[in-house]
């Protein structure tokens, strides 16, 4: 199996449709939800920004330039797609009694400021609750009835919580670069973190792919470690009970897979066998992550899109709406029903 890539196994029988995603920026809309509101006072300004066809880092630099601060004074919770219309929050550190910039006058063809409010804390990476997606697929062909079945299955069971292809860089090259780094190639500090993430993601996807092929990615397996939905809280392994199965069926918990690091994974029995086999198959990545002094962590195997709905805009155009928790990928939802044919 060539991981990462489009050959990751499907959970619901394979994509029944072909079509074009992102025919225009407006066809891929993302709205970030932080999960908290600005408190109205402090040395930071939270800027609600709408951008289209713009890179997040570039927008941050333009905000810094306008505010007359260093680039490091501007932060954001997460990167957002360039080829899309997105709404997200940036924070700008304006210490002391600096005069508030005229934010409404900061206007580019690629982005605009919707709202500016003072806040007491810097916005940290990952400090967001969820992202809402509205996607339109154009020029579709395929089995519409089968697509309805798959969409119903996604609503009922979720999808495998793979790391999306964007995690691995252009044409998946970050995994090969990680292997070169572990073999002794020197890299810059900012590149190192990207390559470590790609290596971890590769191992996680390999474990999850095996669970999908076994058809137990969303079912209890002896030795599973469980994650409480919407949190990073984990428990187990523990004996499988009717209560565990009921909590899994209700979406309250999910089985997890390893984000590799030093020591043995927390799992046991059959779950641990799968995880250790993946680490053996990718021994250079596993050992490199251990030597990088990362610790064992866990990630949910199941991704359950919230507020999932769809509408056929025409015989060839489909609109999808759903909400995903932070750290998950819209593309792994869409791939279950669509082969993208730009």
Protein backbone atom coordinates (compact mmCIF):
# COMPACT_ATOMS: atom_id res chain seq x y z
CA UNK A 1 0.00 0.00 0.00
CA UNK A 2 1.44 3.36 -1.05
CA UNK A 3 0.71 5.68 1.86
CA UNK A 4 -0.06 8.57 1.94
CA UNK A 5 -2.28 8.94 -1.09
CA UNK A 6 -5.61 8.33 -2.70
CA UNK A 7 -5.21 4.55 -2.31
CA UNK A 8 -6.01 4.62 1.40
CA UNK A 9 -8.85 2.11 1.88
CA UNK A 10 -12.42 3.38 1.90
CA UNK A 11 -14.83 2.71 4.75
CA UNK A 12 -18.09 2.75 2.80
CA UNK A 13 -17.36 0.90 -0.44
CA UNK A 14 -15.54 3.48 -2.55
CA UNK A 15 -16.38 6.88 -4.01
CA UNK A 16 -19.50 6.65 -6.24
CA UNK A 17 -19.09 10.08 -7.87
CA UNK A 18 -16.59 11.99 -9.98
CA UNK A 19 -16.63 15.74 -10.11
CA UNK A 20 -14.74 18.99 -9.66
CA UNK A 21 -14.10 20.38 -6.19
CA UNK A 22 -12.91 24.02 -6.03
CA UNK A 23 -14.04 24.99 -9.52
CA UNK A 24 -14.00 28.48 -7.97
CA UNK A 25 -12.84 29.80 -4.59
CA UNK A 26 -16.48 30.30 -3.64
CA UNK A 27 -17.16 26.56 -4.03
CA UNK A 28 -14.97 25.82 -0.96
CA UNK A 29 -16.10 27.90 2.03
CA UNK A 30 -14.65 27.48 5.54
CA UNK A 31 -15.75 29.32 8.69
CA UNK A 32 -13.58 28.93 11.79
CA UNK A 33 -15.16 28.74 15.26
CA UNK A 34 -12.80 29.52 18.14
CA UNK A 35 -15.15 28.46 20.89
CA UNK A 36 -14.65 31.69 22.87
CA UNK A 37 -15.28 35.40 22.39
CA UNK A 38 -12.92 38.36 22.76
CA UNK A 39 -13.08 39.68 26.33
CA UNK A 40 -12.97 43.32 25.23
CA UNK A 41 -9.72 44.45 26.88
CA UNK A 42 -6.01 43.72 26.83
CA UNK A 43 -2.85 44.09 24.72
CA UNK A 44 -4.08 41.94 21.84
CA UNK A 45 -6.60 42.57 19.07
CA UNK A 46 -8.61 39.70 17.62
CA UNK A 47 -9.31 40.33 13.94
CA UNK A 48 -12.06 38.41 12.18
CA UNK A 49 -10.88 38.18 8.57
CA UNK A 50 -12.42 36.88 5.35
CA UNK A 51 -9.95 35.89 2.67
CA UNK A 52 -10.23 34.40 -0.82
CA UNK A 53 -7.37 32.93 -2.82
CA UNK A 54 -4.84 34.00 -0.19
CA UNK A 55 -2.29 32.14 1.92
CA UNK A 56 -2.75 32.46 5.70
CA UNK A 57 0.90 33.37 6.33
CA UNK A 58 0.76 36.08 3.66
CA UNK A 59 -2.35 37.62 5.25
CA UNK A 60 -0.60 37.58 8.64
CA UNK A 61 2.39 39.44 7.18
CA UNK A 62 0.13 42.03 5.54
CA UNK A 63 -1.65 42.60 8.87
CA UNK A 64 1.70 43.06 10.62
CA UNK A 65 2.84 45.54 7.98
CA UNK A 66 -0.37 47.55 8.29
CA UNK A 67 -0.18 47.59 12.11
CA UNK A 68 3.51 48.48 12.11
CA UNK A 69 4.56 45.45 14.16
CA UNK A 70 6.93 42.54 13.64
CA UNK A 71 5.55 39.48 11.89
CA UNK A 72 5.90 37.54 15.15
CA UNK A 73 3.32 39.82 16.78
CA UNK A 74 0.58 38.35 14.56
CA UNK A 75 -0.73 34.84 15.21
CA UNK A 76 -3.61 32.59 14.18
CA UNK A 77 -5.17 29.35 15.36
CA UNK A 78 -4.75 27.38 12.17
CA UNK A 79 -3.83 27.48 8.51
CA UNK A 80 -6.74 27.76 6.09
CA UNK A 81 -6.99 26.68 2.47
CA UNK A 82 -5.66 29.14 -0.06
CA UNK A 83 -7.98 28.03 -2.86
CA UNK A 84 -11.12 28.84 -0.90
CA UNK A 85 -13.17 31.55 0.76
CA UNK A 86 -12.38 31.33 4.47
CA UNK A 87 -13.21 33.21 7.63
CA UNK A 88 -10.72 33.00 10.48
CA UNK A 89 -9.31 34.98 13.40
CA UNK A 90 -5.87 36.56 13.72
CA UNK A 91 -4.48 38.15 16.87
CA UNK A 92 -2.20 41.20 16.86
CA UNK A 93 -0.07 42.16 19.86
CA UNK A 94 -0.30 45.91 20.48
CA UNK A 95 1.30 46.48 23.90
CA UNK A 96 1.27 49.68 25.90
CA UNK A 97 -0.86 52.60 24.80
CA UNK A 98 -0.38 52.21 21.09
CA UNK A 99 -3.03 53.87 18.99
CA UNK A 100 -5.53 51.44 17.51
CA UNK A 101 -5.04 51.06 13.74
CA UNK A 102 -7.92 51.96 11.44
CA UNK A 103 -8.75 48.35 10.74
CA UNK A 104 -11.63 49.03 8.28
CA UNK A 105 -9.13 50.71 5.97
CA UNK A 106 -7.10 47.50 5.71
CA UNK A 107 -8.56 46.20 2.47
CA UNK A 108 -7.02 43.97 -0.18
CA UNK A 109 -8.51 42.22 -3.16
CA UNK A 110 -7.71 38.96 -1.34
CA UNK A 111 -8.97 39.74 2.18
CA UNK A 112 -10.91 42.14 4.40
CA UNK A 113 -11.33 42.70 8.13
CA UNK A 114 -14.85 41.94 9.34
CA UNK A 115 -14.44 42.72 13.05
CA UNK A 116 -11.76 43.87 15.51
CA UNK A 117 -11.99 43.45 19.28
CA UNK A 118 -9.48 43.67 22.13
CA UNK A 119 -8.50 40.53 24.01
CA UNK A 120 -6.24 39.73 26.96
CA UNK A 121 -4.36 36.81 25.41
CA UNK A 122 -2.47 35.90 22.26
CA UNK A 123 -4.26 33.47 19.96
CA UNK A 124 -2.34 30.19 20.09
CA UNK A 125 -1.97 27.60 17.33
CA UNK A 126 -4.67 24.96 17.62
CA UNK A 127 -6.85 27.10 19.90
CA UNK A 128 -10.04 26.59 17.93
CA UNK A 129 -13.13 24.47 18.45
CA UNK A 130 -14.23 23.54 14.94
CA UNK A 131 -14.51 24.51 11.29
CA UNK A 132 -17.73 24.73 9.28
CA UNK A 133 -17.52 23.74 5.62
CA UNK A 134 -19.81 24.48 2.68
CA UNK A 135 -18.53 22.74 -0.44
CA UNK A 136 -19.97 22.61 -3.95
CA UNK A 137 -18.99 19.83 -6.34
CA UNK A 138 -19.45 20.66 -10.04
CA UNK A 139 -19.73 18.62 -13.25
CA UNK A 140 -20.60 15.40 -11.47
CA UNK A 141 -21.06 11.97 -12.93
CA UNK A 142 -21.66 8.63 -11.27
CA UNK A 143 -24.26 6.75 -9.24
CA UNK A 144 -26.48 9.24 -7.43
CA UNK A 145 -28.40 6.55 -5.54
CA UNK A 146 -25.13 5.04 -4.29
CA UNK A 147 -23.99 8.51 -3.25
CA UNK A 148 -27.13 8.85 -1.14
CA UNK A 149 -26.33 5.52 0.52
CA UNK A 150 -22.75 6.56 1.27
CA UNK A 151 -23.86 9.91 2.68
CA UNK A 152 -26.31 8.12 4.97
CA UNK A 153 -23.51 5.79 6.10
CA UNK A 154 -21.23 8.75 6.82
CA UNK A 155 -23.97 10.38 8.90
CA UNK A 156 -24.54 7.17 10.86
CA UNK A 157 -20.97 5.87 11.26
CA UNK A 158 -18.53 8.68 10.43
CA UNK A 159 -15.40 8.27 8.32
CA UNK A 160 -11.84 7.14 9.08
CA UNK A 161 -10.00 10.03 10.70
CA UNK A 162 -7.04 9.93 8.30
CA UNK A 163 -4.55 12.75 8.13
CA UNK A 164 -5.29 14.50 4.83
CA UNK A 165 -2.84 14.58 1.94
CA UNK A 166 -2.03 18.23 2.64
CA UNK A 167 -0.30 17.05 5.84
CA UNK A 168 2.37 15.40 3.70
CA UNK A 169 3.42 18.29 1.45
CA UNK A 170 3.57 18.51 -2.32
CA UNK A 171 3.06 15.04 -3.84
CA UNK A 172 3.56 13.50 -0.40
CA UNK A 173 7.23 14.46 -0.40
CA UNK A 174 7.51 15.28 3.31
CA UNK A 175 7.68 11.62 4.29
CA UNK A 176 10.71 11.02 2.06
CA UNK A 177 12.28 14.20 3.44
CA UNK A 178 11.61 12.98 6.99
CA UNK A 179 13.40 9.74 6.20
CA UNK A 180 16.36 11.72 4.85
CA UNK A 181 16.38 13.86 7.99
CA UNK A 182 16.39 10.78 10.22
CA UNK A 183 19.28 9.42 8.14
CA UNK A 184 21.35 12.52 8.92
CA UNK A 185 20.31 15.24 6.46
CA UNK A 186 20.34 18.67 8.13
CA UNK A 187 17.15 20.73 7.95
CA UNK A 188 16.05 24.11 9.24
CA UNK A 189 14.20 24.28 12.55
CA UNK A 190 10.81 25.21 11.07
CA UNK A 191 11.13 22.40 8.50
CA UNK A 192 11.95 19.86 11.20
CA UNK A 193 8.55 20.18 12.89
CA UNK A 194 6.74 19.71 9.56
CA UNK A 195 8.73 16.57 8.79
CA UNK A 196 8.18 15.11 12.25
CA UNK A 197 4.44 15.68 11.82
CA UNK A 198 4.48 13.98 8.41
CA UNK A 199 6.30 10.94 9.82
CA UNK A 200 3.82 10.64 12.69
CA UNK A 201 0.89 11.04 10.32
CA UNK A 202 2.23 8.34 8.03
CA UNK A 203 2.40 5.83 10.89
CA UNK A 204 -1.07 6.77 12.15
CA UNK A 205 -2.58 6.42 8.67
CA UNK A 206 -0.91 3.02 8.27
CA UNK A 207 -2.54 1.78 11.49
CA UNK A 208 -5.92 3.24 10.57
CA UNK A 209 -5.75 1.80 7.04
CA UNK A 210 -5.21 -1.65 8.53
CA UNK A 211 -8.19 -1.18 10.84
CA UNK A 212 -10.35 -0.06 7.88
CA UNK A 213 -9.34 -3.13 5.88
CA UNK A 214 -10.26 -5.29 8.89
CA UNK A 215 -13.57 -3.40 9.20
CA UNK A 216 -12.98 -2.62 12.89
CA UNK A 217 -11.90 1.03 12.65
CA UNK A 218 -15.18 2.05 14.33
CA UNK A 219 -15.77 -1.13 16.33
CA UNK A 220 -14.34 -2.36 19.62
CA UNK A 221 -11.12 -4.34 19.42
CA UNK A 222 -9.41 -6.03 22.35
CA UNK A 223 -6.83 -3.69 23.85
CA UNK A 224 -8.28 -0.47 22.42
CA UNK A 225 -7.60 2.88 24.06
CA UNK A 226 -10.63 5.17 23.97
CA UNK A 227 -11.01 8.92 23.48
CA UNK A 228 -13.95 10.92 24.76
CA UNK A 229 -15.64 12.73 21.88
CA UNK A 230 -14.76 16.40 21.58
CA UNK A 231 -11.82 16.15 23.99
CA UNK A 232 -8.31 14.73 24.20
CA UNK A 233 -9.22 12.68 27.28
CA UNK A 234 -8.37 8.99 26.93
CA UNK A 235 -8.94 5.87 29.00
CA UNK A 236 -8.28 2.16 28.73
CA UNK A 237 -7.47 -0.39 27.69
CA UNK A 238 -10.08 -2.19 29.72
CA UNK A 239 -12.38 -5.19 29.23
CA UNK A 240 -14.99 -4.73 26.53
CA UNK A 241 -18.45 -4.33 28.00
CA UNK A 242 -21.95 -3.57 26.81
CA UNK A 243 -21.46 -0.05 28.18
CA UNK A 244 -18.34 0.50 26.03
CA UNK A 245 -20.20 -0.70 22.94
CA UNK A 246 -23.19 1.52 23.72
CA UNK A 247 -20.95 4.57 24.20
CA UNK A 248 -19.20 3.84 20.90
CA UNK A 249 -22.52 3.42 19.07
CA UNK A 250 -23.78 6.73 20.48
CA UNK A 251 -20.63 8.59 19.38
CA UNK A 252 -19.58 9.37 22.96
CA UNK A 253 -16.20 7.64 22.51
CA UNK A 254 -13.91 6.53 19.70
CA UNK A 255 -11.10 3.97 19.48
CA UNK A 256 -7.69 5.58 19.01
CA UNK A 257 -4.45 5.02 17.17
CA UNK A 258 -0.89 6.04 18.01
CA UNK A 259 0.93 9.28 17.36
CA UNK A 260 4.31 7.63 17.62
CA UNK A 261 7.02 8.50 20.12
CA UNK A 262 9.23 6.97 22.80
CA UNK A 263 8.05 3.94 24.74
CA UNK A 264 5.35 1.45 23.86
CA UNK A 265 1.84 2.49 22.81
CA UNK A 266 -0.77 2.43 25.55
CA UNK A 267 -2.88 -0.14 23.70
CA UNK A 268 -2.78 -3.89 24.36
CA UNK A 269 -3.72 -7.25 22.82
CA UNK A 270 -4.99 -7.14 19.19
CA UNK A 271 -4.94 -3.34 18.96
CA UNK A 272 -1.30 -3.21 20.07
CA UNK A 273 -0.33 -5.96 17.60
CA UNK A 274 -1.60 -3.84 14.70
CA UNK A 275 0.18 -0.73 15.96
CA UNK A 276 3.50 -2.48 16.58
CA UNK A 277 3.33 -4.14 13.15
CA UNK A 278 2.93 -0.71 11.52
CA UNK A 279 5.92 0.59 13.50
CA UNK A 280 7.96 -2.41 12.33
CA UNK A 281 6.94 -1.85 8.71
CA UNK A 282 8.05 1.79 9.00
CA UNK A 283 10.91 1.21 11.41
CA UNK A 284 13.00 4.16 10.20
CA UNK A 285 10.13 6.58 10.87
CA UNK A 286 9.29 5.05 14.25
CA UNK A 287 12.91 5.10 15.42
CA UNK A 288 13.43 8.62 14.12
CA UNK A 289 10.44 9.85 16.12
CA UNK A 290 11.78 8.16 19.24
CA UNK A 291 15.20 9.77 18.75
CA UNK A 292 13.48 13.15 18.27
CA UNK A 293 12.25 12.71 21.86
CA UNK A 294 8.55 12.76 21.01
CA UNK A 295 6.27 10.96 23.43
CA UNK A 296 3.49 8.51 22.66
CA UNK A 297 0.13 10.25 22.13
CA UNK A 298 -3.25 9.15 20.76
CA UNK A 299 -5.66 10.30 18.03
CA UNK A 300 -9.26 9.19 17.42
CA UNK A 301 -9.74 6.68 14.60
CA UNK A 302 -13.29 7.87 13.91
CA UNK A 303 -14.28 11.27 12.52
CA UNK A 304 -17.97 12.11 12.88
CA UNK A 305 -18.97 15.17 10.83
CA UNK A 306 -21.44 17.38 12.65
CA UNK A 307 -24.42 19.13 11.07
CA UNK A 308 -23.99 17.02 7.91
CA UNK A 309 -26.40 17.91 5.12
CA UNK A 310 -26.45 17.88 1.34
CA UNK A 311 -28.47 19.33 -1.51
CA UNK A 312 -28.50 18.57 -5.23
CA UNK A 313 -28.28 22.03 -6.79
CA UNK A 314 -28.74 20.53 -10.23
CA UNK A 315 -28.27 17.18 -11.94
CA UNK A 316 -24.51 17.85 -12.00
CA UNK A 317 -23.90 19.99 -8.87
CA UNK A 318 -23.92 18.81 -5.25
CA UNK A 319 -23.59 20.99 -2.14
CA UNK A 320 -22.25 19.51 1.11
CA UNK A 321 -22.28 21.14 4.54
CA UNK A 322 -20.69 19.81 7.73
CA UNK A 323 -18.70 20.82 10.79
CA UNK A 324 -15.42 19.20 11.85
CA UNK A 325 -13.52 19.40 15.09
CA UNK A 326 -10.06 20.97 15.09
CA UNK A 327 -7.32 18.80 13.61
CA UNK A 328 -9.47 16.88 11.15
CA UNK A 329 -9.71 17.21 7.38
CA UNK A 330 -12.66 17.95 5.09
CA UNK A 331 -10.91 16.09 2.28
CA UNK A 332 -11.14 12.76 4.13
CA UNK A 333 -14.92 13.22 4.35
CA UNK A 334 -15.29 14.17 0.70
CA UNK A 335 -13.08 11.32 -0.58
CA UNK A 336 -15.63 8.76 0.62
CA UNK A 337 -18.13 9.99 -1.97
CA UNK A 338 -16.07 11.82 -4.62
CA UNK A 339 -13.09 11.32 -6.89
CA UNK A 340 -11.91 14.84 -7.61
CA UNK A 341 -11.41 15.44 -11.32
CA UNK A 342 -10.25 19.06 -11.73
